[in-house]
Amino acid sequence: MLRRLLAALTPALAGGALLLVAIPTTPAPAPAAAVRADNPHSAQSAAAARWLAGQLTDGRLPGPFAGTDWGLTIDALIALEAAGTEPAAADAVADAVAANVDSYATGGEWAPDYLISGSMAKVLVAAVVAGRDPTSFGRHDMRARTLDLIRGADAGAVQGWIFDRYGDEPTQGGNLFAQSLAVLGLARSGGVPQPAVDFLIKQQCAAGGFRLSPATDGAACTSAPVAGQVQDVDTTAMAVQALLAADAAGATGARAAADTGIGWLLTHQKADGSFQGSAVTEYSNTNSTGLGGQALAAAGRTVEADKAADFVAAQQLTAAGGGAAAVHAGAIAYTPDALAAAISGGIAANETDQWRRATAQAALGLAKVSLAEIGTGGTEPTPSPTATPTPTGSASPTASPTGTAGPTPTDPEPTDPTPTDPTPTATVSPAPTTWAPPPSGGGRLPTTGVDVTSIGAFGAVVMLAGVGLVVAGRRRRARS
């Protein structure tokens, strides 16, 4: 019973992800070197990083109610590394997260044998982005732990899909944020199994975008009715950047799929450069625009990426124009309405959380450094020759995506698959003994913070389960 409760509750945690770091065996490259020398938004990127750094306490960002929100803290780490202007703050965040890997990427003290796929993959990405050794990150080999969650050849249609696991039993597949993070982290740390890339490509819908949650049986998106192929800007931006990283690592089919995804994104960018969210957030916002713009920059679509950054920069508070919220110069509003409200009335303490979440993701659109490039000191990405704004299939500029429009993505419905060996069978390049960032060519998140309410619900249900067991035991004793 408890195992099924854990399996049902942990998808809410999988969207959040851990990151961060151990002691590097080689000097970390200067992230600032990866920033485009001609980036017209470098000042705004630096201002956003400065504000985020000022929000940290002991390298941590708080949740909306209490405690540390490690997912949001990791998002901040990625934004800081992308900007490359607050190295001391980034190091402090990395150290703090590294010390809390187990409590974040597993069920913690309640269920240490429950491994959360999205969190594991994001920790791996964070280690690489921060220039730390992913094979010794928070005293764990995060590369090996992530590989162990990739389903093997005996898993049938779900081969290559990253799964949560309880002990030796796979429980449910991660959403496409988790899959993209796994592909990205593995590609950047020594090699990615081709089946993991193939599964991600299989989830690309006919129009070119990606939906957040794969079918529970692992079927291709194109096998679903057109009405069920509801694609999402945030998910597509994540998948595109993961595929670009996979292509740079030698995976087959990745570049063509990334180009098609970029074409879909271009059809969904508005005239003002913005992207809208999905579901209840079908309006322009800086989170979706930050991720979408970052993906465009990763594919070399500089003009369109700059337009996205223009929209994000227009929602940023400044000392001169911040009005009642000028003390928060550098922070980025989620929407134009939120910006106007802050300028006129300031930002109350209980409203700061939304600004942290918006800024951590939106800032990626200002830095315009792909997740495949952050921390590498890499060069300009190669423009995509085939990514065009012409929609394919049944694409429509008004298509409504689902999933992560805001700072926190939702997760797929829990499944109860038959236990199989989750160890991938594909051959991958071994991680180097003395780690240094592998060379990166070409050239992604996201966004995931753990919602405190999910943790509260987890604790509450476990407590109720415990109470139920106590009551049942007492009843059995009473009957005897």
Protein backbone atom coordinates (compact mmCIF):
# COMPACT_ATOMS: atom_id res chain seq x y z
CA MET A 1 0.00 0.00 0.00
CA LEU A 2 2.72 2.44 0.95
CA ARG A 3 4.60 1.61 -2.24
CA ARG A 4 1.54 2.53 -4.32
CA LEU A 5 1.06 5.72 -2.31
CA LEU A 6 4.65 6.69 -3.04
CA ALA A 7 4.22 5.84 -6.71
CA ALA A 8 1.13 8.01 -6.90
CA LEU A 9 2.62 10.97 -5.07
CA THR A 10 6.14 11.29 -6.41
CA PRO A 11 5.23 12.51 -9.94
CA ALA A 12 4.60 15.91 -8.37
CA LEU A 13 8.17 15.89 -7.16
CA ALA A 14 9.69 14.72 -10.44
CA GLY A 15 9.23 18.06 -12.12
CA GLY A 16 11.48 19.68 -9.54
CA ALA A 17 15.06 18.86 -9.80
CA LEU A 18 18.19 19.01 -7.96
CA LEU A 19 21.38 20.21 -9.15
CA LEU A 20 24.65 21.04 -7.77
CA VAL A 21 27.96 20.26 -6.94
CA ALA A 22 30.97 18.66 -5.51
CA ILE A 23 34.62 19.73 -5.57
CA PRO A 24 35.85 19.92 -9.16
CA THR A 25 38.88 17.89 -10.12
CA THR A 26 39.73 20.44 -12.80
CA PRO A 27 39.17 24.18 -12.78
CA ALA A 28 35.69 25.08 -13.96
CA PRO A 29 35.64 27.14 -17.17
CA ALA A 30 34.43 30.70 -16.92
CA PRO A 31 30.72 30.65 -17.81
CA ALA A 32 30.89 34.25 -18.94
CA ALA A 33 32.95 33.19 -21.94
CA ALA A 34 29.91 31.43 -23.37
CA VAL A 35 27.85 34.61 -23.47
CA ARG A 36 27.56 36.08 -26.95
CA ALA A 37 29.98 38.95 -27.26
CA ASP A 38 27.37 40.93 -29.18
CA ASN A 39 24.48 40.16 -26.84
CA PRO A 40 22.50 43.42 -26.65
CA HIS A 41 20.83 42.20 -23.45
CA SER A 42 23.98 41.48 -21.43
CA ALA A 43 23.27 44.34 -18.98
CA GLN A 44 19.75 43.07 -18.32
CA SER A 45 21.08 39.53 -17.92
CA ALA A 46 23.60 40.73 -15.35
CA ALA A 47 20.91 42.71 -13.49
CA ALA A 48 18.67 39.65 -13.26
CA ALA A 49 21.56 37.54 -11.95
CA ARG A 50 22.44 40.21 -9.40
CA TRP A 51 18.86 40.30 -8.09
CA LEU A 52 18.67 36.51 -7.87
CA ALA A 53 21.97 36.41 -6.00
CA GLY A 54 20.57 38.91 -3.52
CA GLN A 55 17.61 36.63 -2.84
CA LEU A 56 19.80 33.75 -1.67
CA THR A 57 20.31 32.79 1.96
CA ASP A 58 23.17 30.35 2.48
CA GLY A 59 22.98 29.44 -1.18
CA ARG A 60 19.27 28.65 -1.02
CA LEU A 61 15.95 30.08 -2.15
CA PRO A 62 12.92 29.61 0.10
CA GLY A 63 9.66 28.00 -0.90
CA PRO A 64 6.40 29.95 -0.95
CA PHE A 65 5.53 28.90 2.60
CA ALA A 66 8.51 27.46 4.44
CA GLY A 67 11.79 25.66 4.00
CA THR A 68 14.04 25.52 0.96
CA ASP A 69 12.67 25.05 -2.53
CA TRP A 70 15.50 23.05 -4.06
CA GLY A 71 13.98 22.96 -7.52
CA LEU A 72 13.74 26.73 -7.63
CA THR A 73 17.22 27.00 -6.14
CA ILE A 74 18.54 24.89 -8.99
CA ASP A 75 16.75 27.03 -11.55
CA ALA A 76 18.54 30.00 -10.03
CA LEU A 77 21.87 28.18 -10.31
CA ILE A 78 21.35 27.62 -14.01
CA ALA A 79 20.38 31.26 -14.53
CA LEU A 80 23.44 32.44 -12.60
CA GLU A 81 25.76 30.20 -14.58
CA ALA A 82 24.17 31.35 -17.85
CA ALA A 83 24.75 35.00 -16.96
CA GLY A 84 28.28 34.26 -15.75
CA THR A 85 28.41 37.44 -13.65
CA GLU A 86 27.84 36.12 -10.10
CA PRO A 87 30.32 33.25 -9.70
CA ALA A 88 30.47 33.38 -5.89
CA ALA A 89 26.69 33.11 -5.63
CA ALA A 90 26.61 30.26 -8.14
CA ASP A 91 29.26 28.36 -6.18
CA ALA A 92 27.32 28.85 -2.95
CA VAL A 93 24.15 27.48 -4.54
CA ALA A 94 26.00 24.52 -6.00
CA ASP A 95 27.51 23.64 -2.64
CA ALA A 96 24.14 23.89 -0.87
CA VAL A 97 22.34 21.68 -3.36
CA ALA A 98 25.13 19.11 -3.47
CA ALA A 99 24.67 18.60 0.25
CA ASN A 100 20.98 17.80 -0.26
CA VAL A 101 20.93 15.49 -3.27
CA ASP A 102 19.39 12.54 -1.46
CA SER A 103 16.62 14.51 0.18
CA TYR A 104 15.69 15.95 -3.22
CA ALA A 105 16.25 13.24 -5.81
CA THR A 106 14.85 10.41 -3.69
CA GLY A 107 11.92 9.99 -1.35
CA GLY A 108 14.18 11.27 1.41
CA GLU A 109 14.05 9.76 4.87
CA TRP A 110 10.49 8.60 4.22
CA ALA A 111 11.47 6.48 1.21
CA PRO A 112 15.21 6.58 0.43
CA ASP A 113 14.81 3.74 -2.09
CA TYR A 114 12.39 5.76 -4.22
CA LEU A 115 14.41 7.42 -7.00
CA ILE A 116 12.80 10.37 -8.78
CA SER A 117 13.68 10.48 -12.47
CA GLY A 118 13.23 14.19 -13.11
CA SER A 119 15.23 15.14 -10.05
CA MET A 120 18.04 12.72 -10.84
CA ALA A 121 18.34 14.03 -14.38
CA LYS A 122 18.26 17.64 -13.30
CA VAL A 123 20.95 17.04 -10.72
CA LEU A 124 23.12 15.62 -13.46
CA VAL A 125 22.52 18.68 -15.65
CA ALA A 126 23.28 20.99 -12.77
CA ALA A 127 26.56 19.27 -12.03
CA VAL A 128 27.67 19.65 -15.63
CA VAL A 129 26.44 23.25 -15.95
CA ALA A 130 28.23 24.21 -12.74
CA GLY A 131 31.48 22.67 -13.97
CA ARG A 132 31.50 19.97 -11.30
CA ASP A 133 32.35 16.29 -11.67
CA PRO A 134 29.02 14.51 -12.35
CA THR A 135 30.54 11.18 -11.31
CA SER A 136 31.20 12.54 -7.83
CA PHE A 137 28.43 14.98 -7.12
CA GLY A 138 27.17 15.22 -3.59
CA ARG A 139 29.06 11.94 -2.98
CA HIS A 140 27.10 10.28 -5.80
CA ASP A 141 27.81 9.27 -9.37
CA MET A 142 24.90 11.17 -10.88
CA ARG A 143 25.68 9.95 -14.37
CA ALA A 144 25.45 6.31 -13.31
CA ARG A 145 22.31 6.94 -11.27
CA THR A 146 20.61 8.59 -14.23
CA LEU A 147 21.65 5.80 -16.60
CA ASP A 148 20.18 3.26 -14.19
CA LEU A 149 16.75 4.86 -14.60
CA ILE A 150 16.74 4.55 -18.41
CA ARG A 151 14.64 1.55 -19.43
CA GLY A 152 16.48 -1.19 -21.29
CA ALA A 153 15.85 -3.23 -24.41
CA ASP A 154 13.58 -5.66 -22.58
CA ALA A 155 11.12 -2.86 -21.79
CA GLY A 156 9.48 -2.90 -25.21
CA ALA A 157 7.83 0.34 -26.30
CA VAL A 158 9.17 2.23 -23.28
CA GLN A 159 12.81 1.42 -24.02
CA GLY A 160 14.91 4.53 -23.54
CA TRP A 161 12.32 6.26 -21.31
CA ILE A 162 13.58 7.48 -17.93
CA PHE A 163 11.48 6.02 -15.11
CA ASP A 164 11.05 6.63 -11.42
CA ARG A 165 12.03 3.55 -9.45
CA TYR A 166 11.22 2.08 -6.07
CA GLY A 167 13.98 -0.33 -5.14
CA ASP A 168 14.37 -2.53 -8.22
CA GLU A 169 10.86 -1.83 -9.48
CA PRO A 170 10.18 0.86 -12.12
CA THR A 171 7.07 2.80 -11.20
CA GLN A 172 6.18 5.46 -13.79
CA GLY A 173 7.85 7.26 -16.65
CA GLY A 174 9.00 10.83 -16.27
CA ASN A 175 7.49 13.62 -18.32
CA LEU A 176 9.34 15.10 -21.27
CA PHE A 177 11.12 17.61 -19.06
CA ALA A 178 12.67 14.67 -17.24
CA GLN A 179 13.47 12.92 -20.54
CA SER A 180 15.02 16.05 -22.03
CA LEU A 181 17.10 16.67 -18.92
CA ALA A 182 18.33 13.08 -18.98
CA VAL A 183 19.33 13.30 -22.64
CA LEU A 184 21.00 16.66 -22.06
CA GLY A 185 22.89 15.64 -18.94
CA LEU A 186 24.09 12.34 -20.37
CA ALA A 187 25.09 13.92 -23.69
CA ARG A 188 27.19 16.49 -21.86
CA SER A 189 28.83 14.08 -19.43
CA GLY A 190 30.26 11.38 -21.69
CA GLY A 191 27.61 10.03 -24.04
CA VAL A 192 23.89 9.35 -24.25
CA PRO A 193 22.30 5.99 -25.12
CA GLN A 194 20.68 6.19 -28.55
CA PRO A 195 17.42 4.65 -27.23
CA ALA A 196 16.99 7.61 -24.84
CA VAL A 197 17.31 9.98 -27.78
CA ASP A 198 15.02 7.84 -29.91
CA PHE A 199 12.30 7.87 -27.24
CA LEU A 200 12.44 11.66 -27.07
CA ILE A 201 12.23 11.94 -30.85
CA LYS A 202 9.27 9.52 -30.85
CA GLN A 203 7.36 11.99 -28.66
CA GLN A 204 7.55 14.74 -31.28
CA CYS A 205 4.06 15.40 -32.61
CA ALA A 206 3.09 15.70 -36.27
CA ALA A 207 3.17 19.50 -36.20
CA GLY A 208 6.74 19.52 -34.84
CA GLY A 209 6.19 20.43 -31.20
CA PHE A 210 6.33 18.24 -28.11
CA ARG A 211 3.62 17.53 -25.54
CA LEU A 212 4.49 17.40 -21.86
CA SER A 213 3.34 13.90 -21.00
CA PRO A 214 3.92 10.83 -23.17
CA ALA A 215 1.26 8.14 -23.37
CA THR A 216 1.68 5.71 -20.49
CA ASP A 217 2.41 2.88 -22.93
CA GLY A 218 5.22 4.90 -24.56
CA ALA A 219 3.44 5.19 -27.90
CA ALA A 220 4.54 7.87 -30.36
CA CYS A 221 2.77 11.22 -30.26
CA THR A 222 1.81 10.79 -33.91
CA SER A 223 -0.23 7.70 -33.01
CA ALA A 224 -2.57 9.81 -30.88
CA PRO A 225 -5.59 11.60 -32.36
CA VAL A 226 -4.74 15.10 -33.58
CA ALA A 227 -6.81 16.55 -30.74
CA GLY A 228 -4.56 14.73 -28.31
CA GLN A 229 -1.37 16.11 -29.81
CA VAL A 230 -1.48 19.24 -27.68
CA GLN A 231 2.00 20.70 -27.86
CA ASP A 232 3.68 22.97 -25.37
CA VAL A 233 6.18 25.81 -25.89
CA ASP A 234 8.16 25.09 -22.71
CA THR A 235 8.40 21.36 -23.37
CA THR A 236 9.35 21.90 -27.00
CA ALA A 237 12.07 24.38 -26.02
CA MET A 238 13.50 21.85 -23.56
CA ALA A 239 13.37 18.99 -26.05
CA VAL A 240 15.00 21.03 -28.82
CA GLN A 241 17.98 21.93 -26.67
CA ALA A 242 18.38 18.36 -25.45
CA LEU A 243 18.35 17.15 -29.05
CA LEU A 244 20.98 19.71 -30.04
CA ALA A 245 23.19 18.44 -27.22
CA ALA A 246 22.58 14.86 -28.33
CA ASP A 247 23.49 15.76 -31.90
CA ALA A 248 26.75 17.30 -30.69
CA ALA A 249 27.45 14.04 -28.83
CA GLY A 250 26.97 12.00 -32.02
CA ALA A 251 23.39 10.77 -31.68
CA THR A 252 21.56 10.05 -34.92
CA GLY A 253 18.34 11.77 -35.94
CA ALA A 254 18.61 14.42 -33.25
CA ARG A 255 19.42 17.45 -35.41
CA ALA A 256 16.57 16.90 -37.84
CA ALA A 257 14.07 16.59 -34.98
CA ALA A 258 15.49 19.72 -33.33
CA ASP A 259 15.15 21.68 -36.57
CA THR A 260 11.52 20.64 -36.89
CA GLY A 261 10.91 21.68 -33.28
CA ILE A 262 12.45 25.08 -33.95
CA GLY A 263 10.15 25.49 -36.93
CA TRP A 264 7.17 24.83 -34.65
CA LEU A 265 8.41 27.37 -32.11
CA LEU A 266 8.78 30.01 -34.80
CA THR A 267 5.13 29.62 -35.78
CA HIS A 268 4.14 30.23 -32.17
CA GLN A 269 6.20 33.33 -31.47
CA LYS A 270 4.05 36.44 -31.34
CA ALA A 271 4.77 39.70 -33.12
CA ASP A 272 6.13 41.25 -29.90
CA GLY A 273 8.60 38.37 -29.52
CA SER A 274 6.71 36.64 -26.73
CA PHE A 275 5.47 33.09 -26.27
CA GLN A 276 2.35 32.13 -24.40
CA GLY A 277 1.89 29.42 -21.85
CA SER A 278 -0.64 26.63 -21.82
CA ALA A 279 -3.76 25.40 -20.08
CA VAL A 280 -4.80 28.11 -17.58
CA THR A 281 -1.88 30.35 -18.62
CA GLU A 282 -2.65 30.84 -22.29
CA TYR A 283 -1.21 34.34 -22.41
CA SER A 284 2.22 35.81 -23.03
CA ASN A 285 4.54 35.38 -20.09
CA THR A 286 8.24 35.71 -19.43
CA ASN A 287 8.80 32.10 -18.39
CA SER A 288 7.66 30.56 -21.65
CA THR A 289 9.33 33.40 -23.55
CA GLY A 290 12.60 32.89 -21.70
CA LEU A 291 12.72 29.19 -22.56
CA GLY A 292 11.49 29.70 -26.11
CA GLY A 293 14.03 32.44 -26.73
CA GLN A 294 16.82 30.32 -25.26
CA ALA A 295 15.96 27.50 -27.67
CA LEU A 296 15.94 29.88 -30.63
CA ALA A 297 19.36 31.19 -29.62
CA ALA A 298 20.61 27.60 -29.27
CA ALA A 299 19.62 26.95 -32.89
CA GLY A 300 21.27 30.14 -34.14
CA ARG A 301 18.01 32.06 -34.72
CA THR A 302 19.54 35.27 -33.40
CA VAL A 303 16.94 37.74 -34.69
CA GLU A 304 14.03 35.83 -33.19
CA ALA A 305 15.93 35.16 -29.95
CA ASP A 306 16.62 38.88 -29.60
CA LYS A 307 12.92 39.64 -30.10
CA ALA A 308 12.08 37.23 -27.27
CA ALA A 309 14.70 38.89 -25.09
CA ASP A 310 13.21 42.30 -25.89
CA PHE A 311 9.87 41.15 -24.48
CA VAL A 312 11.53 39.74 -21.34
CA ALA A 313 13.62 42.89 -20.82
CA ALA A 314 10.48 45.03 -21.09
CA GLN A 315 9.08 43.23 -18.03
CA GLN A 316 12.20 43.84 -15.92
CA LEU A 317 12.24 46.29 -13.04
CA THR A 318 14.87 49.02 -13.18
CA ALA A 319 16.12 51.46 -10.55
CA ALA A 320 14.94 54.40 -12.61
CA GLY A 321 11.58 53.04 -13.72
CA GLY A 322 10.71 50.60 -10.96
CA GLY A 323 8.51 52.97 -9.03
CA ALA A 324 7.45 51.49 -5.71
CA ALA A 325 9.41 48.32 -6.54
CA ALA A 326 12.68 50.02 -7.57
CA VAL A 327 14.52 48.28 -4.73
CA HIS A 328 14.00 45.07 -6.70
CA ALA A 329 15.77 46.33 -9.81
CA GLY A 330 16.72 43.38 -12.00
CA ALA A 331 13.74 41.22 -11.07
CA ILE A 332 11.53 40.12 -13.96
CA ALA A 333 7.74 40.12 -13.79
CA TYR A 334 5.79 37.09 -14.98
CA THR A 335 3.45 39.25 -17.07
CA PRO A 336 3.07 42.93 -18.05
CA ASP A 337 0.17 43.20 -15.60
CA ALA A 338 2.37 41.96 -12.76
CA LEU A 339 4.99 44.55 -13.71
CA ALA A 340 2.47 47.40 -13.67
CA ALA A 341 1.12 46.31 -10.29
CA ALA A 342 4.61 46.21 -8.78
CA ILE A 343 5.56 49.63 -10.11
CA SER A 344 2.45 51.18 -8.63
CA GLY A 345 2.18 49.22 -5.39
CA GLY A 346 5.52 47.54 -4.76
CA ILE A 347 6.16 43.85 -4.10
CA ALA A 348 4.81 42.50 -0.83
CA ALA A 349 6.78 39.85 1.03
CA ASN A 350 4.24 37.19 0.15
CA GLU A 351 4.54 38.09 -3.54
CA THR A 352 8.32 37.75 -3.81
CA ASP A 353 8.16 34.04 -4.54
CA GLN A 354 6.48 34.54 -7.91
CA TRP A 355 9.17 37.04 -8.89
CA ARG A 356 11.91 34.58 -8.00
CA ARG A 357 10.27 31.90 -10.11
CA ALA A 358 9.68 34.19 -13.05
CA THR A 359 13.18 35.68 -12.96
CA ALA A 360 15.04 32.36 -12.70
CA GLN A 361 13.55 31.09 -15.95
CA ALA A 362 13.01 34.32 -17.86
CA ALA A 363 16.66 35.28 -17.36
CA LEU A 364 17.66 32.40 -19.65
CA GLY A 365 16.14 34.32 -22.53
CA LEU A 366 18.30 37.35 -21.71
CA ALA A 367 21.56 35.40 -21.44
CA LYS A 368 20.79 33.47 -24.65
CA VAL A 369 23.17 30.64 -23.76
CA SER A 370 21.86 27.13 -24.40
CA LEU A 371 21.84 24.49 -21.70
CA ALA A 372 24.10 22.61 -24.07
CA GLU A 373 26.63 25.48 -23.80
CA ILE A 374 26.40 26.90 -20.29
CA GLY A 375 29.72 26.44 -18.55
CA THR A 376 31.67 25.38 -21.64
CA GLY A 377 33.05 28.67 -22.84
CA GLY A 378 31.61 27.55 -26.16
CA THR A 379 31.23 29.41 -29.40
CA GLU A 380 28.28 30.63 -31.37
CA PRO A 381 25.77 27.93 -32.35
CA THR A 382 25.49 26.94 -35.98
CA PRO A 383 22.30 28.36 -37.52
CA SER A 384 19.78 25.74 -38.47
CA PRO A 385 19.43 25.59 -42.26
CA THR A 386 16.05 23.89 -42.15
CA ALA A 387 14.24 25.57 -39.27
CA THR A 388 11.67 27.76 -40.92
CA PRO A 389 8.49 29.39 -39.66
CA THR A 390 6.39 27.29 -42.03
CA PRO A 391 4.10 25.05 -39.97
CA THR A 392 3.97 21.36 -40.79
CA GLY A 393 1.18 18.83 -40.49
CA SER A 394 -1.73 20.24 -38.58
CA ALA A 395 0.17 23.04 -36.91
CA SER A 396 -1.73 26.12 -35.98
CA PRO A 397 -0.33 29.33 -34.50
CA THR A 398 -3.15 29.22 -31.98
CA ALA A 399 -2.55 25.67 -30.82
CA SER A 400 -2.91 25.43 -27.07
CA PRO A 401 0.01 23.71 -25.39
CA THR A 402 -0.20 21.91 -22.10
CA GLY A 403 2.14 21.71 -19.18
CA THR A 404 4.70 24.18 -17.97
CA ALA A 405 3.62 27.63 -18.91
CA GLY A 406 4.70 28.96 -15.56
CA PRO A 407 7.67 28.17 -13.39
CA THR A 408 6.55 24.66 -12.47
CA PRO A 409 5.65 21.92 -14.95
CA THR A 410 3.01 19.32 -14.26
CA ASP A 411 3.76 15.64 -14.44
CA PRO A 412 2.24 12.63 -16.20
CA GLU A 413 -0.38 10.49 -14.55
CA PRO A 414 1.22 7.76 -12.44
CA THR A 415 1.42 4.31 -13.95
CA ASP A 416 2.07 0.90 -12.48
CA PRO A 417 4.23 -0.82 -15.09
CA THR A 418 5.48 -4.37 -14.85
CA PRO A 419 8.91 -4.35 -13.19
CA THR A 420 11.71 -4.78 -15.67
CA ASP A 421 15.42 -4.27 -15.64
CA PRO A 422 15.87 -0.48 -15.87
CA THR A 423 19.53 -0.73 -16.79
CA PRO A 424 20.09 0.59 -20.31
CA THR A 425 21.62 -1.85 -22.72
CA ALA A 426 22.92 0.67 -25.22
CA THR A 427 26.63 1.32 -25.29
CA VAL A 428 27.57 4.76 -24.06
CA SER A 429 30.83 6.57 -23.87
CA PRO A 430 32.32 6.20 -20.37
CA ALA A 431 32.63 9.29 -18.26
CA PRO A 432 36.26 10.33 -17.88
CA THR A 433 37.96 9.46 -14.62
CA THR A 434 39.19 13.00 -14.20
CA TRP A 435 36.23 14.99 -15.33
CA ALA A 436 36.30 18.01 -17.56
CA PRO A 437 33.40 19.30 -19.66
CA PRO A 438 33.41 17.41 -22.98
CA PRO A 439 33.82 19.53 -26.11
CA SER A 440 30.47 21.00 -27.06
CA GLY A 441 29.28 21.72 -30.56
CA GLY A 442 26.13 23.31 -31.75
CA GLY A 443 24.29 24.98 -29.55
CA ARG A 444 18.82 24.21 -22.61
CA LEU A 445 15.62 23.50 -17.49
CA PRO A 446 13.95 24.77 -17.27
CA THR A 447 12.03 25.42 -15.08
CA THR A 448 11.23 23.13 -12.38
CA GLY A 449 10.71 23.86 -8.80
CA VAL A 450 9.23 21.54 -6.25
CA ASP A 451 5.84 22.79 -5.16
CA VAL A 452 5.70 22.79 -1.39
CA THR A 453 2.06 21.72 -1.55
CA SER A 454 3.09 18.44 -3.18
CA ILE A 455 5.53 17.78 -0.36
CA GLY A 456 2.86 18.63 2.17
CA ALA A 457 0.44 16.29 0.48
CA PHE A 458 3.08 13.57 0.42
CA GLY A 459 3.69 13.93 4.14
CA ALA A 460 0.00 14.12 4.92
CA VAL A 461 -0.87 10.96 3.01
CA VAL A 462 2.05 9.05 4.53
CA MET A 463 0.92 10.19 7.97
CA LEU A 464 -2.63 9.09 7.22
CA ALA A 465 -1.35 5.74 5.98
CA GLY A 466 0.58 5.34 9.21
CA VAL A 467 -2.44 6.25 11.28
CA GLY A 468 -4.49 3.74 9.31
CA LEU A 469 -1.97 0.99 10.03
CA VAL A 470 -1.98 1.82 13.72
CA VAL A 471 -5.78 1.80 13.85
CA ALA A 472 -5.94 -1.48 11.93
CA GLY A 473 -3.42 -3.02 14.30
CA ARG A 474 -5.40 -1.91 17.29
CA ARG A 475 -8.57 -3.35 15.79
CA ARG A 476 -6.88 -6.69 15.17
CA ARG A 477 -5.64 -6.76 18.74
CA ALA A 478 -9.11 -5.84 19.99
CA ARG A 479 -10.68 -8.70 18.03
CA SER A 480 -8.21 -11.19 19.43
